[in-house]
Amino acid sequence: MNRNFSLVKIIIVIMILLVLTVLVLISAKKLIMSNNLKYYNDKEKLMIEASREYFADYRSYSPKEVGEKTRLLLSALVIEEYIDMIKDVNEFDCDTTKSYVEVEKTSNYEYLYKAHLVCDKANYETKDGE
């Protein structure tokens, strides 16, 4: 009887440890995903800042009419040295031909900048509305 009771205690302890391990793994995965999203959001902000500088230097390429949009590829920003090559979280280059900043003229003196970053090897792409 004592032996069966000890076996039950061991099984309960193992079950508790398994549940705790699963909870720790889930929390770690959420933390990693959150950090990765922040990393990419920061890179998108860098792309926007680089395109602001680019269009300050090349005003003739910016949208002229309210509602007009233009896209500036990441490759142009890198070639013109407004930004360094953007790497994904695994240190692979992001796609410079699929990544871009879209600029829309919203009023006579205001522009809206939206970055779209694609890092295929890390399976990351900016979602619409971000």
N, C-alpha and C. Protein backbone atom coordinates (compact mmCIF):
# COMPACT_ATOMS: atom_id res chain seq x y z
N MET A 1 0.82 -1.19 0.00
CA MET A 1 0.00 0.00 0.00
C MET A 1 0.87 1.26 0.00
N ASN A 2 1.90 1.25 0.78
CA ASN A 2 2.81 2.39 0.84
C ASN A 2 3.51 2.59 -0.49
N ARG A 3 3.81 1.50 -1.17
CA ARG A 3 4.49 1.55 -2.46
C ARG A 3 3.59 2.18 -3.52
N ASN A 4 2.33 1.82 -3.54
CA ASN A 4 1.38 2.40 -4.49
C ASN A 4 1.20 3.89 -4.24
N PHE A 5 1.18 4.26 -2.98
CA PHE A 5 1.03 5.67 -2.63
C PHE A 5 2.24 6.48 -3.11
N SER A 6 3.44 5.94 -2.97
CA SER A 6 4.66 6.60 -3.44
C SER A 6 4.66 6.73 -4.96
N LEU A 7 4.19 5.72 -5.64
CA LEU A 7 4.10 5.76 -7.10
C LEU A 7 3.14 6.86 -7.55
N VAL A 8 2.04 7.01 -6.87
CA VAL A 8 1.07 8.07 -7.19
C VAL A 8 1.71 9.44 -6.96
N LYS A 9 2.46 9.60 -5.89
CA LYS A 9 3.14 10.87 -5.62
C LYS A 9 4.12 11.21 -6.74
N ILE A 10 4.87 10.23 -7.18
CA ILE A 10 5.85 10.45 -8.24
C ILE A 10 5.15 10.84 -9.54
N ILE A 11 4.07 10.17 -9.86
CA ILE A 11 3.32 10.50 -11.08
C ILE A 11 2.76 11.91 -11.00
N ILE A 12 2.25 12.31 -9.87
CA ILE A 12 1.71 13.67 -9.69
C ILE A 12 2.82 14.70 -9.84
N VAL A 13 3.97 14.45 -9.26
CA VAL A 13 5.10 15.38 -9.37
C VAL A 13 5.53 15.50 -10.83
N ILE A 14 5.60 14.39 -11.53
CA ILE A 14 5.99 14.41 -12.94
C ILE A 14 4.97 15.19 -13.76
N MET A 15 3.70 14.98 -13.50
CA MET A 15 2.64 15.71 -14.23
C MET A 15 2.76 17.22 -13.97
N ILE A 16 2.99 17.60 -12.74
CA ILE A 16 3.14 19.03 -12.41
C ILE A 16 4.35 19.62 -13.13
N LEU A 17 5.46 18.88 -13.15
CA LEU A 17 6.66 19.35 -13.84
C LEU A 17 6.41 19.48 -15.35
N LEU A 18 5.67 18.57 -15.93
CA LEU A 18 5.34 18.64 -17.36
C LEU A 18 4.49 19.87 -17.66
N VAL A 19 3.50 20.12 -16.84
CA VAL A 19 2.64 21.30 -17.03
C VAL A 19 3.46 22.58 -16.91
N LEU A 20 4.32 22.65 -15.91
CA LEU A 20 5.17 23.83 -15.75
C LEU A 20 6.11 24.01 -16.94
N THR A 21 6.67 22.93 -17.44
CA THR A 21 7.55 22.99 -18.60
C THR A 21 6.82 23.52 -19.82
N VAL A 22 5.62 23.03 -20.04
CA VAL A 22 4.81 23.50 -21.18
C VAL A 22 4.51 24.99 -21.03
N LEU A 23 4.16 25.43 -19.85
CA LEU A 23 3.88 26.85 -19.62
C LEU A 23 5.11 27.72 -19.89
N VAL A 24 6.27 27.26 -19.45
CA VAL A 24 7.51 28.01 -19.68
C VAL A 24 7.81 28.08 -21.18
N LEU A 25 7.64 26.98 -21.89
CA LEU A 25 7.90 26.96 -23.33
C LEU A 25 6.94 27.88 -24.09
N ILE A 26 5.69 27.89 -23.71
CA ILE A 26 4.71 28.77 -24.36
C ILE A 26 5.07 30.23 -24.10
N SER A 27 5.43 30.55 -22.88
CA SER A 27 5.82 31.93 -22.54
C SER A 27 7.07 32.35 -23.30
N ALA A 28 8.04 31.45 -23.40
CA ALA A 28 9.27 31.77 -24.12
C ALA A 28 8.98 32.02 -25.60
N LYS A 29 8.12 31.21 -26.19
CA LYS A 29 7.79 31.39 -27.61
C LYS A 29 7.09 32.73 -27.83
N LYS A 30 6.17 33.09 -26.94
CA LYS A 30 5.48 34.38 -27.06
C LYS A 30 6.47 35.53 -26.93
N LEU A 31 7.42 35.41 -26.02
CA LEU A 31 8.42 36.45 -25.83
C LEU A 31 9.30 36.59 -27.07
N ILE A 32 9.71 35.49 -27.64
CA ILE A 32 10.53 35.53 -28.85
C ILE A 32 9.76 36.16 -30.00
N MET A 33 8.51 35.77 -30.17
CA MET A 33 7.69 36.33 -31.25
C MET A 33 7.48 37.84 -31.05
N SER A 34 7.28 38.25 -29.83
CA SER A 34 7.11 39.67 -29.52
C SER A 34 8.38 40.46 -29.81
N ASN A 35 9.52 39.90 -29.42
CA ASN A 35 10.80 40.55 -29.69
C ASN A 35 11.09 40.63 -31.19
N ASN A 36 10.75 39.56 -31.92
CA ASN A 36 10.95 39.56 -33.37
C ASN A 36 10.08 40.64 -34.03
N LEU A 37 8.84 40.76 -33.61
CA LEU A 37 7.95 41.77 -34.17
C LEU A 37 8.49 43.17 -33.90
N LYS A 38 8.99 43.40 -32.70
CA LYS A 38 9.58 44.70 -32.38
C LYS A 38 10.81 44.96 -33.26
N TYR A 39 11.61 43.94 -33.47
CA TYR A 39 12.80 44.06 -34.31
C TYR A 39 12.40 44.52 -35.72
N TYR A 40 11.41 43.86 -36.30
CA TYR A 40 10.98 44.20 -37.67
C TYR A 40 10.30 45.57 -37.72
N ASN A 41 9.53 45.90 -36.69
CA ASN A 41 8.92 47.23 -36.65
C ASN A 41 9.99 48.32 -36.60
N ASP A 42 11.06 48.08 -35.86
CA ASP A 42 12.16 49.04 -35.82
C ASP A 42 12.83 49.18 -37.18
N LYS A 43 12.99 48.07 -37.89
CA LYS A 43 13.58 48.12 -39.24
C LYS A 43 12.67 48.88 -40.21
N GLU A 44 11.37 48.70 -40.06
CA GLU A 44 10.42 49.43 -40.91
C GLU A 44 10.49 50.94 -40.63
N LYS A 45 10.67 51.31 -39.38
CA LYS A 45 10.83 52.73 -39.04
C LYS A 45 12.10 53.30 -39.67
N LEU A 46 13.17 52.50 -39.68
CA LEU A 46 14.41 52.93 -40.34
C LEU A 46 14.19 53.14 -41.84
N MET A 47 13.42 52.25 -42.45
CA MET A 47 13.12 52.39 -43.88
C MET A 47 12.35 53.69 -44.14
N ILE A 48 11.39 53.99 -43.28
CA ILE A 48 10.60 55.22 -43.45
C ILE A 48 11.49 56.45 -43.30
N GLU A 49 12.35 56.45 -42.29
CA GLU A 49 13.24 57.60 -42.08
C GLU A 49 14.19 57.76 -43.26
N ALA A 50 14.71 56.65 -43.78
CA ALA A 50 15.61 56.72 -44.94
C ALA A 50 14.87 57.27 -46.15
N SER A 51 13.61 56.88 -46.34
CA SER A 51 12.87 57.39 -47.50
C SER A 51 12.52 58.87 -47.34
N ARG A 52 12.31 59.32 -46.14
CA ARG A 52 12.09 60.76 -45.92
C ARG A 52 13.32 61.54 -46.38
N GLU A 53 14.49 61.03 -46.00
CA GLU A 53 15.74 61.68 -46.41
C GLU A 53 15.91 61.61 -47.93
N TYR A 54 15.59 60.47 -48.50
CA TYR A 54 15.70 60.28 -49.95
C TYR A 54 14.82 61.30 -50.68
N PHE A 55 13.56 61.42 -50.27
CA PHE A 55 12.65 62.34 -50.96
C PHE A 55 12.97 63.81 -50.66
N ALA A 56 13.66 64.06 -49.56
CA ALA A 56 14.13 65.43 -49.31
C ALA A 56 15.22 65.78 -50.33
N ASP A 57 16.03 64.80 -50.69
CA ASP A 57 17.09 65.03 -51.68
C ASP A 57 16.58 64.95 -53.12
N TYR A 58 15.57 64.13 -53.34
CA TYR A 58 15.03 63.92 -54.69
C TYR A 58 13.55 64.27 -54.72
N ARG A 59 13.26 65.53 -54.50
CA ARG A 59 11.86 65.98 -54.45
C ARG A 59 11.09 65.69 -55.73
N SER A 60 11.78 65.67 -56.85
CA SER A 60 11.09 65.46 -58.14
C SER A 60 10.48 64.05 -58.23
N TYR A 61 10.93 63.11 -57.40
CA TYR A 61 10.39 61.75 -57.42
C TYR A 61 9.19 61.58 -56.47
N SER A 62 8.95 62.55 -55.61
CA SER A 62 7.85 62.41 -54.65
C SER A 62 6.50 62.66 -55.34
N PRO A 63 5.41 62.14 -54.79
CA PRO A 63 4.09 62.35 -55.38
C PRO A 63 3.77 63.85 -55.47
N LYS A 64 3.15 64.23 -56.57
CA LYS A 64 2.87 65.66 -56.80
C LYS A 64 1.46 66.07 -56.40
N GLU A 65 0.47 65.22 -56.69
CA GLU A 65 -0.93 65.55 -56.45
C GLU A 65 -1.42 64.85 -55.18
N VAL A 66 -2.35 65.48 -54.48
CA VAL A 66 -2.96 64.88 -53.30
C VAL A 66 -3.63 63.57 -53.73
N GLY A 67 -3.37 62.50 -52.99
CA GLY A 67 -3.90 61.19 -53.30
C GLY A 67 -2.96 60.34 -54.15
N GLU A 68 -1.97 60.97 -54.75
CA GLU A 68 -1.01 60.23 -55.57
C GLU A 68 -0.05 59.46 -54.65
N LYS A 69 0.35 58.26 -55.11
CA LYS A 69 1.27 57.41 -54.35
C LYS A 69 2.45 57.03 -55.22
N THR A 70 3.56 56.77 -54.55
CA THR A 70 4.73 56.22 -55.22
C THR A 70 5.42 55.24 -54.27
N ARG A 71 6.12 54.28 -54.85
CA ARG A 71 6.85 53.30 -54.04
C ARG A 71 8.34 53.46 -54.27
N LEU A 72 9.06 53.36 -53.18
CA LEU A 72 10.52 53.41 -53.22
C LEU A 72 11.03 52.08 -52.70
N LEU A 73 11.70 51.34 -53.58
CA LEU A 73 12.20 50.01 -53.20
C LEU A 73 13.35 50.11 -52.20
N LEU A 74 13.42 49.12 -51.35
CA LEU A 74 14.53 49.03 -50.41
C LEU A 74 15.86 48.98 -51.17
N SER A 75 15.87 48.34 -52.32
CA SER A 75 17.11 48.25 -53.11
C SER A 75 17.63 49.64 -53.47
N ALA A 76 16.74 50.58 -53.81
CA ALA A 76 17.16 51.95 -54.14
C ALA A 76 17.76 52.64 -52.91
N LEU A 77 17.14 52.43 -51.76
CA LEU A 77 17.66 53.04 -50.53
C LEU A 77 19.04 52.49 -50.18
N VAL A 78 19.25 51.20 -50.42
CA VAL A 78 20.54 50.58 -50.13
C VAL A 78 21.59 51.05 -51.14
N ILE A 79 21.25 51.03 -52.43
CA ILE A 79 22.19 51.43 -53.48
C ILE A 79 22.62 52.89 -53.30
N GLU A 80 21.65 53.74 -52.98
CA GLU A 80 21.94 55.16 -52.79
C GLU A 80 22.53 55.46 -51.40
N GLU A 81 22.72 54.42 -50.59
CA GLU A 81 23.35 54.51 -49.26
C GLU A 81 22.56 55.36 -48.27
N TYR A 82 21.25 55.30 -48.35
CA TYR A 82 20.41 55.94 -47.34
C TYR A 82 20.18 55.00 -46.17
N ILE A 83 20.42 53.71 -46.40
CA ILE A 83 20.21 52.71 -45.36
C ILE A 83 21.13 51.51 -45.65
N ASP A 84 21.56 50.83 -44.61
CA ASP A 84 22.33 49.60 -44.79
C ASP A 84 21.37 48.47 -45.11
N MET A 85 21.92 47.41 -45.66
CA MET A 85 21.11 46.23 -45.95
C MET A 85 20.38 45.79 -44.68
N ILE A 86 19.11 45.51 -44.79
CA ILE A 86 18.33 45.05 -43.64
C ILE A 86 18.40 43.54 -43.57
N LYS A 87 18.74 43.06 -42.39
CA LYS A 87 18.86 41.63 -42.13
C LYS A 87 17.66 41.16 -41.31
N ASP A 88 17.29 39.89 -41.50
CA ASP A 88 16.23 39.33 -40.66
C ASP A 88 16.82 38.93 -39.31
N VAL A 89 16.00 38.34 -38.46
CA VAL A 89 16.47 37.97 -37.12
C VAL A 89 17.53 36.88 -37.14
N ASN A 90 17.65 36.19 -38.28
CA ASN A 90 18.65 35.14 -38.43
C ASN A 90 19.88 35.60 -39.21
N GLU A 91 19.97 36.91 -39.46
CA GLU A 91 21.10 37.54 -40.14
C GLU A 91 21.15 37.27 -41.64
N PHE A 92 20.01 36.89 -42.24
CA PHE A 92 19.92 36.77 -43.70
C PHE A 92 19.39 38.09 -44.24
N ASP A 93 19.80 38.44 -45.47
CA ASP A 93 19.31 39.67 -46.10
C ASP A 93 17.81 39.57 -46.36
N CYS A 94 17.11 40.68 -46.09
CA CYS A 94 15.71 40.76 -46.47
C CYS A 94 15.63 41.04 -47.97
N ASP A 95 14.48 40.83 -48.56
CA ASP A 95 14.30 40.95 -50.00
C ASP A 95 14.22 42.43 -50.38
N THR A 96 15.21 42.91 -51.11
CA THR A 96 15.27 44.34 -51.45
C THR A 96 14.35 44.71 -52.61
N THR A 97 13.87 43.73 -53.36
CA THR A 97 12.98 44.04 -54.48
C THR A 97 11.51 43.88 -54.12
N LYS A 98 11.23 43.17 -53.03
CA LYS A 98 9.85 43.05 -52.55
C LYS A 98 9.56 44.03 -51.42
N SER A 99 10.59 44.54 -50.80
CA SER A 99 10.44 45.49 -49.69
C SER A 99 10.46 46.91 -50.23
N TYR A 100 9.59 47.74 -49.70
CA TYR A 100 9.48 49.10 -50.21
C TYR A 100 8.84 50.01 -49.17
N VAL A 101 8.89 51.31 -49.46
CA VAL A 101 8.13 52.30 -48.69
C VAL A 101 7.18 52.95 -49.68
N GLU A 102 5.91 52.95 -49.30
CA GLU A 102 4.90 53.62 -50.13
C GLU A 102 4.66 55.01 -49.55
N VAL A 103 4.72 56.00 -50.42
CA VAL A 103 4.54 57.39 -49.99
C VAL A 103 3.30 57.93 -50.69
N GLU A 104 2.40 58.49 -49.88
CA GLU A 104 1.18 59.08 -50.42
C GLU A 104 1.11 60.54 -50.01
N LYS A 105 0.81 61.40 -50.97
CA LYS A 105 0.62 62.82 -50.65
C LYS A 105 -0.80 62.97 -50.11
N THR A 106 -0.92 63.40 -48.86
CA THR A 106 -2.24 63.47 -48.21
C THR A 106 -2.81 64.89 -48.18
N SER A 107 -1.95 65.87 -48.32
CA SER A 107 -2.39 67.27 -48.43
C SER A 107 -1.28 68.03 -49.15
N ASN A 108 -1.44 69.34 -49.27
CA ASN A 108 -0.44 70.11 -50.01
C ASN A 108 0.97 69.99 -49.43
N TYR A 109 1.07 69.78 -48.12
CA TYR A 109 2.39 69.76 -47.49
C TYR A 109 2.65 68.51 -46.65
N GLU A 110 1.77 67.51 -46.74
CA GLU A 110 1.94 66.33 -45.90
C GLU A 110 1.96 65.05 -46.73
N TYR A 111 2.77 64.11 -46.24
CA TYR A 111 2.92 62.82 -46.89
C TYR A 111 2.74 61.72 -45.85
N LEU A 112 2.19 60.60 -46.28
CA LEU A 112 2.04 59.42 -45.43
C LEU A 112 3.01 58.36 -45.93
N TYR A 113 3.84 57.85 -45.03
CA TYR A 113 4.84 56.84 -45.37
C TYR A 113 4.44 55.51 -44.74
N LYS A 114 4.43 54.45 -45.54
CA LYS A 114 4.13 53.10 -45.05
C LYS A 114 5.21 52.15 -45.55
N ALA A 115 5.86 51.47 -44.63
CA ALA A 115 6.91 50.52 -44.99
C ALA A 115 6.30 49.13 -45.18
N HIS A 116 6.84 48.42 -46.15
CA HIS A 116 6.45 47.03 -46.40
C HIS A 116 7.75 46.23 -46.51
N LEU A 117 8.02 45.44 -45.47
CA LEU A 117 9.27 44.69 -45.39
C LEU A 117 9.00 43.21 -45.63
N VAL A 118 9.82 42.59 -46.47
CA VAL A 118 9.70 41.16 -46.76
C VAL A 118 11.05 40.51 -46.47
N CYS A 119 11.03 39.56 -45.54
CA CYS A 119 12.21 38.78 -45.20
C CYS A 119 11.83 37.31 -45.36
N ASP A 120 12.02 36.78 -46.56
CA ASP A 120 11.53 35.44 -46.91
C ASP A 120 12.10 34.34 -46.03
N LYS A 121 13.39 34.38 -45.74
CA LYS A 121 14.01 33.28 -45.00
C LYS A 121 13.53 33.22 -43.56
N ALA A 122 13.08 34.34 -43.02
CA ALA A 122 12.53 34.36 -41.67
C ALA A 122 11.01 34.28 -41.69
N ASN A 123 10.45 34.15 -42.89
CA ASN A 123 9.00 34.06 -43.06
C ASN A 123 8.30 35.28 -42.46
N TYR A 124 8.85 36.46 -42.72
CA TYR A 124 8.24 37.70 -42.23
C TYR A 124 7.84 38.58 -43.41
N GLU A 125 6.65 39.12 -43.32
CA GLU A 125 6.19 40.14 -44.26
C GLU A 125 5.26 41.07 -43.51
N THR A 126 5.45 42.37 -43.73
CA THR A 126 4.59 43.36 -43.08
C THR A 126 3.15 43.06 -43.42
N LYS A 127 2.31 43.05 -42.40
CA LYS A 127 0.87 42.84 -42.62
C LYS A 127 0.24 44.18 -42.99
N ASP A 128 -0.81 44.12 -43.81
CA ASP A 128 -1.53 45.34 -44.18
C ASP A 128 -2.02 46.05 -42.93
N GLY A 129 -1.89 47.35 -42.92
CA GLY A 129 -2.37 48.15 -41.79
C GLY A 129 -1.34 48.33 -40.69
N GLU A 130 -0.16 47.74 -40.83
CA GLU A 130 0.85 47.93 -39.78
C GLU A 130 1.71 49.12 -40.11
